[in-house]
Amino acid sequence: MSQPVIAVLDYGIGNLRSAEKALQKVGGDARLTRDPAFVASADAVVLPGVGAFGACMDALRGAGLEDVVYGAVDSGRPFLGICVGMQMLFTSSQEDLDARGLDIISGTVKWIPPGVKRPQMQWNKLSFTQPDDTMFEGELLRDAPNGSWVYFVHSLHGVPMDPSLVAATCDYGVTLNAAFRQDNVFATQFHPEKSGASGLALLDNFVKAAGAS
């Protein structure tokens, strides 16, 4: 059986190879690319990201990948946004009020409220809000040796206009949104590629979804 081909969008910001390597580890034929034709032919697409919202959006557009993202999402294939890649899927961010997001998930990326250290740079436990979602609470994730503990590095979190899109939260003084699901679009504020067995289990679920698409 052939490996699902997963396009990891390469727009030149952050350690994009860590996501690529983690997806390869769980059986995906993951490749960094900015080739629109390759992305269009892939079984699934991943948008990673670290750094500032506005700078990442500028880099994505500068690499000619904005329309590529829209095409991938519209195709119905599994699509995963990670960390700032997740934030870029939103309409806007309080981090940079002049920057325009992709508006795939209607809503705003908001600062973590005062009273706790920012950024949250630690392991934290997920609470799932969509128990029937095989991506975020599939058997592999529930039974991972580390449970549902995952690794975060962030000062903001996504707040969608439709609360039902939230797939998981975490407790950091207040409840923060940690993961999202909108049709074929999955998004995580945490870093699955840095989250040990739990993160690899989630990526394994994503690769399986790619293989079934």
C-alpha atoms as a PDB file:
ATOM      1  CA  MET A   1       0.000   0.000   0.000  1.00  0.00           C
ATOM      2  CA  SER A   2       1.453   3.355  -1.025  1.00  0.00           C
ATOM      3  CA  GLN A   3       2.078   6.106   1.499  1.00  0.00           C
ATOM      4  CA  PRO A   4      -0.296   9.090   1.426  1.00  0.00           C
ATOM      5  CA  VAL A   5       1.443  12.089  -0.146  1.00  0.00           C
ATOM      6  CA  ILE A   6       1.332  15.129   2.129  1.00  0.00           C
ATOM      7  CA  ALA A   7       2.375  18.584   0.939  1.00  0.00           C
ATOM      8  CA  VAL A   8       3.953  20.679   3.713  1.00  0.00           C
ATOM      9  CA  LEU A   9       3.783  24.277   2.546  1.00  0.00           C
ATOM     10  CA  ASP A  10       7.218  25.891   2.388  1.00  0.00           C
ATOM     11  CA  TYR A  11       7.011  29.657   2.716  1.00  0.00           C
ATOM     12  CA  GLY A  12      10.401  30.119   4.321  1.00  0.00           C
ATOM     13  CA  ILE A  13       9.531  30.929   7.944  1.00  0.00           C
ATOM     14  CA  GLY A  14      10.115  28.690  10.950  1.00  0.00           C
ATOM     15  CA  ASN A  15      11.322  25.133  11.326  1.00  0.00           C
ATOM     16  CA  LEU A  16       9.072  23.634   8.701  1.00  0.00           C
ATOM     17  CA  ARG A  17      11.137  20.459   8.476  1.00  0.00           C
ATOM     18  CA  SER A  18      10.138  19.336  11.969  1.00  0.00           C
ATOM     19  CA  ALA A  19       6.542  18.901  10.812  1.00  0.00           C
ATOM     20  CA  GLU A  20       7.703  17.176   7.632  1.00  0.00           C
ATOM     21  CA  LYS A  21       9.856  14.684   9.582  1.00  0.00           C
ATOM     22  CA  ALA A  22       7.133  13.910  12.127  1.00  0.00           C
ATOM     23  CA  LEU A  23       4.641  13.157   9.350  1.00  0.00           C
ATOM     24  CA  GLN A  24       7.195  10.891   7.689  1.00  0.00           C
ATOM     25  CA  LYS A  25       7.726   9.093  11.003  1.00  0.00           C
ATOM     26  CA  VAL A  26       4.054   8.092  11.163  1.00  0.00           C
ATOM     27  CA  GLY A  27       3.960   6.817   7.589  1.00  0.00           C
ATOM     28  CA  GLY A  28       3.207   9.844   5.415  1.00  0.00           C
ATOM     29  CA  ASP A  29       5.153  10.680   2.281  1.00  0.00           C
ATOM     30  CA  ALA A  30       5.530  14.274   3.479  1.00  0.00           C
ATOM     31  CA  ARG A  31       7.471  16.790   1.391  1.00  0.00           C
ATOM     32  CA  LEU A  32       8.218  20.480   1.816  1.00  0.00           C
ATOM     33  CA  THR A  33       7.013  22.306  -1.278  1.00  0.00           C
ATOM     34  CA  ARG A  34       5.845  25.561  -2.768  1.00  0.00           C
ATOM     35  CA  ASP A  35       4.953  23.974  -6.108  1.00  0.00           C
ATOM     36  CA  PRO A  36       1.225  24.556  -6.767  1.00  0.00           C
ATOM     37  CA  ALA A  37       1.001  21.522  -9.043  1.00  0.00           C
ATOM     38  CA  PHE A  38       2.458  19.227  -6.398  1.00  0.00           C
ATOM     39  CA  VAL A  39       0.143  20.627  -3.723  1.00  0.00           C
ATOM     40  CA  ALA A  40      -2.840  20.103  -6.035  1.00  0.00           C
ATOM     41  CA  SER A  41      -1.878  16.444  -6.515  1.00  0.00           C
ATOM     42  CA  ALA A  42      -1.140  15.648  -2.854  1.00  0.00           C
ATOM     43  CA  ASP A  43      -3.515  13.617  -0.696  1.00  0.00           C
ATOM     44  CA  ALA A  44      -3.379  16.182   2.129  1.00  0.00           C
ATOM     45  CA  VAL A  45      -1.835  19.567   2.903  1.00  0.00           C
ATOM     46  CA  VAL A  46      -0.177  20.981   6.043  1.00  0.00           C
ATOM     47  CA  LEU A  47       0.417  24.646   6.899  1.00  0.00           C
ATOM     48  CA  PRO A  48       2.939  24.890   9.769  1.00  0.00           C
ATOM     49  CA  GLY A  49       4.184  28.150  11.260  1.00  0.00           C
ATOM     50  CA  VAL A  50       6.078  29.845  14.061  1.00  0.00           C
ATOM     51  CA  GLY A  51       6.712  33.522  14.696  1.00  0.00           C
ATOM     52  CA  ALA A  52       4.564  36.591  14.141  1.00  0.00           C
ATOM     53  CA  PHE A  53       1.150  36.460  12.471  1.00  0.00           C
ATOM     54  CA  GLY A  54       1.739  39.393  10.099  1.00  0.00           C
ATOM     55  CA  ALA A  55       5.197  38.252   9.029  1.00  0.00           C
ATOM     56  CA  CYS A  56       3.935  34.739   8.316  1.00  0.00           C
ATOM     57  CA  MET A  57       1.014  36.044   6.262  1.00  0.00           C
ATOM     58  CA  ASP A  58       3.396  38.277   4.269  1.00  0.00           C
ATOM     59  CA  ALA A  59       5.717  35.323   3.661  1.00  0.00           C
ATOM     60  CA  LEU A  60       2.868  33.048   2.574  1.00  0.00           C
ATOM     61  CA  ARG A  61       1.620  35.616   0.087  1.00  0.00           C
ATOM     62  CA  GLY A  62       5.159  36.405  -1.051  1.00  0.00           C
ATOM     63  CA  ALA A  63       5.681  32.724  -1.833  1.00  0.00           C
ATOM     64  CA  GLY A  64       2.529  32.718  -3.968  1.00  0.00           C
ATOM     65  CA  LEU A  65       0.805  30.208  -1.696  1.00  0.00           C
ATOM     66  CA  GLU A  66      -2.331  32.045  -0.560  1.00  0.00           C
ATOM     67  CA  ASP A  67      -4.462  30.837  -3.469  1.00  0.00           C
ATOM     68  CA  VAL A  68      -2.833  27.418  -3.158  1.00  0.00           C
ATOM     69  CA  VAL A  69      -4.188  27.205   0.407  1.00  0.00           C
ATOM     70  CA  TYR A  70      -7.688  28.185  -0.716  1.00  0.00           C
ATOM     71  CA  GLY A  71      -7.551  25.608  -3.504  1.00  0.00           C
ATOM     72  CA  ALA A  72      -6.462  22.863  -1.120  1.00  0.00           C
ATOM     73  CA  VAL A  73      -9.204  23.669   1.390  1.00  0.00           C
ATOM     74  CA  ASP A  74     -11.867  23.924  -1.305  1.00  0.00           C
ATOM     75  CA  SER A  75     -10.828  20.530  -2.722  1.00  0.00           C
ATOM     76  CA  GLY A  76     -12.093  18.752   0.394  1.00  0.00           C
ATOM     77  CA  ARG A  77      -8.772  17.026   1.068  1.00  0.00           C
ATOM     78  CA  PRO A  78      -7.546  16.892   4.698  1.00  0.00           C
ATOM     79  CA  PHE A  79      -5.843  20.163   5.630  1.00  0.00           C
ATOM     80  CA  LEU A  80      -3.920  20.776   8.867  1.00  0.00           C
ATOM     81  CA  GLY A  81      -2.758  24.118  10.297  1.00  0.00           C
ATOM     82  CA  ILE A  82      -0.176  24.024  13.102  1.00  0.00           C
ATOM     83  CA  CYS A  83       0.577  26.821  15.626  1.00  0.00           C
ATOM     84  CA  VAL A  84       0.861  30.101  13.660  1.00  0.00           C
ATOM     85  CA  GLY A  85      -0.294  28.085  10.649  1.00  0.00           C
ATOM     86  CA  MET A  86      -3.474  27.532  12.648  1.00  0.00           C
ATOM     87  CA  GLN A  87      -3.716  31.238  13.480  1.00  0.00           C
ATOM     88  CA  MET A  88      -3.319  32.202   9.822  1.00  0.00           C
ATOM     89  CA  LEU A  89      -6.539  30.341   9.035  1.00  0.00           C
ATOM     90  CA  PHE A  90      -8.482  32.930  11.068  1.00  0.00           C
ATOM     91  CA  THR A  91      -9.834  36.248   9.843  1.00  0.00           C
ATOM     92  CA  SER A  92      -7.537  38.467  11.910  1.00  0.00           C
ATOM     93  CA  SER A  93      -5.211  38.608  14.910  1.00  0.00           C
ATOM     94  CA  GLN A  94      -4.844  41.040  17.778  1.00  0.00           C
ATOM     95  CA  GLU A  95      -1.090  40.600  17.403  1.00  0.00           C
ATOM     96  CA  ASP A  96      -1.148  42.631  14.175  1.00  0.00           C
ATOM     97  CA  LEU A  97      -4.378  44.519  13.555  1.00  0.00           C
ATOM     98  CA  ASP A  98      -3.251  45.572  10.084  1.00  0.00           C
ATOM     99  CA  ALA A  99      -2.606  42.021   8.897  1.00  0.00           C
ATOM    100  CA  ARG A 100      -5.302  40.138   7.004  1.00  0.00           C
ATOM    101  CA  GLY A 101      -5.657  36.432   7.713  1.00  0.00           C
ATOM    102  CA  LEU A 102      -6.933  33.755   5.360  1.00  0.00           C
ATOM    103  CA  ASP A 103     -10.485  33.941   6.801  1.00  0.00           C
ATOM    104  CA  ILE A 104     -11.027  30.215   6.360  1.00  0.00           C
ATOM    105  CA  ILE A 105     -12.155  30.040   9.989  1.00  0.00           C
ATOM    106  CA  SER A 106     -14.221  33.137  10.751  1.00  0.00           C
ATOM    107  CA  GLY A 107     -12.955  34.648  13.972  1.00  0.00           C
ATOM    108  CA  THR A 108     -10.096  36.414  15.715  1.00  0.00           C
ATOM    109  CA  VAL A 109      -6.834  35.273  17.243  1.00  0.00           C
ATOM    110  CA  LYS A 110      -6.811  36.922  20.680  1.00  0.00           C
ATOM    111  CA  TRP A 111      -4.183  37.475  23.355  1.00  0.00           C
ATOM    112  CA  ILE A 112      -4.120  35.098  26.304  1.00  0.00           C
ATOM    113  CA  PRO A 113      -5.809  37.146  29.064  1.00  0.00           C
ATOM    114  CA  PRO A 114      -3.629  38.870  31.691  1.00  0.00           C
ATOM    115  CA  GLY A 115      -2.811  37.098  34.927  1.00  0.00           C
ATOM    116  CA  VAL A 116      -0.651  34.286  33.548  1.00  0.00           C
ATOM    117  CA  LYS A 117       2.793  34.192  31.994  1.00  0.00           C
ATOM    118  CA  ARG A 118       2.904  34.808  28.251  1.00  0.00           C
ATOM    119  CA  PRO A 119       3.831  32.887  26.253  1.00  0.00           C
ATOM    120  CA  GLN A 120       2.484  29.624  27.550  1.00  0.00           C
ATOM    121  CA  MET A 121       5.605  27.541  26.977  1.00  0.00           C
ATOM    122  CA  GLN A 122       4.885  24.159  28.518  1.00  0.00           C
ATOM    123  CA  TRP A 123       3.106  20.841  28.324  1.00  0.00           C
ATOM    124  CA  ASN A 124      -0.610  21.076  28.974  1.00  0.00           C
ATOM    125  CA  LYS A 125      -3.498  18.646  28.900  1.00  0.00           C
ATOM    126  CA  LEU A 126      -6.217  18.742  26.259  1.00  0.00           C
ATOM    127  CA  SER A 127      -9.917  18.526  26.997  1.00  0.00           C
ATOM    128  CA  PHE A 128     -11.802  17.305  23.938  1.00  0.00           C
ATOM    129  CA  THR A 129     -15.097  18.901  22.980  1.00  0.00           C
ATOM    130  CA  GLN A 130     -15.994  16.773  19.945  1.00  0.00           C
ATOM    131  CA  PRO A 131     -15.977  13.187  21.268  1.00  0.00           C
ATOM    132  CA  ASP A 132     -16.953  11.663  17.942  1.00  0.00           C
ATOM    133  CA  ASP A 133     -14.134  13.321  16.008  1.00  0.00           C
ATOM    134  CA  THR A 134     -11.694  10.611  14.959  1.00  0.00           C
ATOM    135  CA  MET A 135      -8.931  13.162  14.391  1.00  0.00           C
ATOM    136  CA  PHE A 136      -8.852  14.730  17.836  1.00  0.00           C
ATOM    137  CA  GLU A 137     -10.159  11.917  20.030  1.00  0.00           C
ATOM    138  CA  GLY A 138      -9.464   8.836  18.016  1.00  0.00           C
ATOM    139  CA  GLU A 139      -8.369   5.629  19.690  1.00  0.00           C
ATOM    140  CA  LEU A 140      -4.678   6.247  19.062  1.00  0.00           C
ATOM    141  CA  LEU A 141      -4.727   9.651  20.760  1.00  0.00           C
ATOM    142  CA  ARG A 142      -6.709   8.483  23.780  1.00  0.00           C
ATOM    143  CA  ASP A 143      -4.447   5.483  24.311  1.00  0.00           C
ATOM    144  CA  ALA A 144      -1.098   7.236  23.761  1.00  0.00           C
ATOM    145  CA  PRO A 145       1.373   6.676  26.642  1.00  0.00           C
ATOM    146  CA  ASN A 146       1.369  10.373  27.544  1.00  0.00           C
ATOM    147  CA  GLY A 147      -2.423  10.594  27.447  1.00  0.00           C
ATOM    148  CA  SER A 148      -3.485  13.844  25.843  1.00  0.00           C
ATOM    149  CA  TRP A 149      -0.609  16.025  27.070  1.00  0.00           C
ATOM    150  CA  VAL A 150       0.788  18.208  24.287  1.00  0.00           C
ATOM    151  CA  TYR A 151       3.363  20.981  23.959  1.00  0.00           C
ATOM    152  CA  PHE A 152       2.466  24.661  23.574  1.00  0.00           C
ATOM    153  CA  VAL A 153       4.455  27.791  22.743  1.00  0.00           C
ATOM    154  CA  HIS A 154       2.008  30.669  22.248  1.00  0.00           C
ATOM    155  CA  SER A 155       0.759  34.015  23.512  1.00  0.00           C
ATOM    156  CA  LEU A 156      -2.536  34.045  21.592  1.00  0.00           C
ATOM    157  CA  HIS A 157      -5.355  31.619  20.879  1.00  0.00           C
ATOM    158  CA  GLY A 158      -8.052  31.376  18.246  1.00  0.00           C
ATOM    159  CA  VAL A 159     -11.614  32.426  19.052  1.00  0.00           C
ATOM    160  CA  PRO A 160     -13.970  31.390  16.230  1.00  0.00           C
ATOM    161  CA  MET A 161     -17.318  33.065  15.676  1.00  0.00           C
ATOM    162  CA  ASP A 162     -18.856  29.590  15.756  1.00  0.00           C
ATOM    163  CA  PRO A 163     -17.897  27.989  19.105  1.00  0.00           C
ATOM    164  CA  SER A 164     -18.831  24.543  17.796  1.00  0.00           C
ATOM    165  CA  LEU A 165     -15.636  24.581  15.720  1.00  0.00           C
ATOM    166  CA  VAL A 166     -13.513  24.209  18.861  1.00  0.00           C
ATOM    167  CA  ALA A 167     -12.301  20.601  19.039  1.00  0.00           C
ATOM    168  CA  ALA A 168     -10.153  20.838  22.172  1.00  0.00           C
ATOM    169  CA  THR A 169      -9.292  23.269  24.936  1.00  0.00           C
ATOM    170  CA  CYS A 170      -6.672  23.530  27.673  1.00  0.00           C
ATOM    171  CA  ASP A 171      -6.649  25.160  31.103  1.00  0.00           C
ATOM    172  CA  TYR A 172      -4.119  27.964  31.540  1.00  0.00           C
ATOM    173  CA  GLY A 173      -5.641  30.085  34.266  1.00  0.00           C
ATOM    174  CA  VAL A 174      -8.595  30.404  31.888  1.00  0.00           C
ATOM    175  CA  THR A 175      -9.903  28.055  29.246  1.00  0.00           C
ATOM    176  CA  LEU A 176      -7.961  28.482  26.004  1.00  0.00           C
ATOM    177  CA  ASN A 177      -8.959  27.039  22.646  1.00  0.00           C
ATOM    178  CA  ALA A 178      -6.327  24.555  21.542  1.00  0.00           C
ATOM    179  CA  ALA A 179      -7.672  22.818  18.423  1.00  0.00           C
ATOM    180  CA  PHE A 180     -10.328  23.307  15.763  1.00  0.00           C
ATOM    181  CA  ARG A 181     -12.256  21.320  13.176  1.00  0.00           C
ATOM    182  CA  GLN A 182     -14.192  22.789  10.261  1.00  0.00           C
ATOM    183  CA  ASP A 183     -15.178  20.175   7.688  1.00  0.00           C
ATOM    184  CA  ASN A 184     -11.876  18.981   6.154  1.00  0.00           C
ATOM    185  CA  VAL A 185      -9.805  21.613   7.985  1.00  0.00           C
ATOM    186  CA  PHE A 186      -8.032  20.636  11.213  1.00  0.00           C
ATOM    187  CA  ALA A 187      -5.971  23.118  13.221  1.00  0.00           C
ATOM    188  CA  THR A 188      -3.898  22.937  16.405  1.00  0.00           C
ATOM    189  CA  GLN A 189      -2.417  25.726  18.509  1.00  0.00           C
ATOM    190  CA  PHE A 190      -0.031  23.200  20.050  1.00  0.00           C
ATOM    191  CA  HIS A 191       2.835  21.527  18.188  1.00  0.00           C
ATOM    192  CA  PRO A 192       1.976  17.868  17.467  1.00  0.00           C
ATOM    193  CA  GLU A 193       5.498  17.330  16.124  1.00  0.00           C
ATOM    194  CA  LYS A 194       6.904  18.289  19.556  1.00  0.00           C
ATOM    195  CA  SER A 195       4.273  16.509  21.634  1.00  0.00           C
ATOM    196  CA  GLY A 196       5.696  13.016  21.942  1.00  0.00           C
ATOM    197  CA  ALA A 197       3.397  10.034  21.584  1.00  0.00           C
ATOM    198  CA  SER A 198       0.195  12.089  21.810  1.00  0.00           C
ATOM    199  CA  GLY A 199       1.280  14.398  19.000  1.00  0.00           C
ATOM    200  CA  LEU A 200       2.446  11.533  16.827  1.00  0.00           C
ATOM    201  CA  ALA A 201      -0.871   9.766  17.408  1.00  0.00           C
ATOM    202  CA  LEU A 202      -2.723  12.841  16.173  1.00  0.00           C
ATOM    203  CA  LEU A 203      -0.477  13.081  13.106  1.00  0.00           C
ATOM    204  CA  ASP A 204      -1.028   9.364  12.515  1.00  0.00           C
ATOM    205  CA  ASN A 205      -4.783  10.031  12.497  1.00  0.00           C
ATOM    206  CA  PHE A 206      -4.184  12.807   9.957  1.00  0.00           C
ATOM    207  CA  VAL A 207      -2.101  10.538   7.713  1.00  0.00           C
ATOM    208  CA  LYS A 208      -4.828   7.892   7.879  1.00  0.00           C
ATOM    209  CA  ALA A 209      -7.389  10.536   6.885  1.00  0.00           C
ATOM    210  CA  ALA A 210      -5.120  11.466   3.961  1.00  0.00           C
ATOM    211  CA  GLY A 211      -4.947   7.857   2.881  1.00  0.00           C
ATOM    212  CA  ALA A 212      -8.729   7.584   2.948  1.00  0.00           C
ATOM    213  CA  SER A 213      -9.341  10.782   0.974  1.00  0.00           C
END
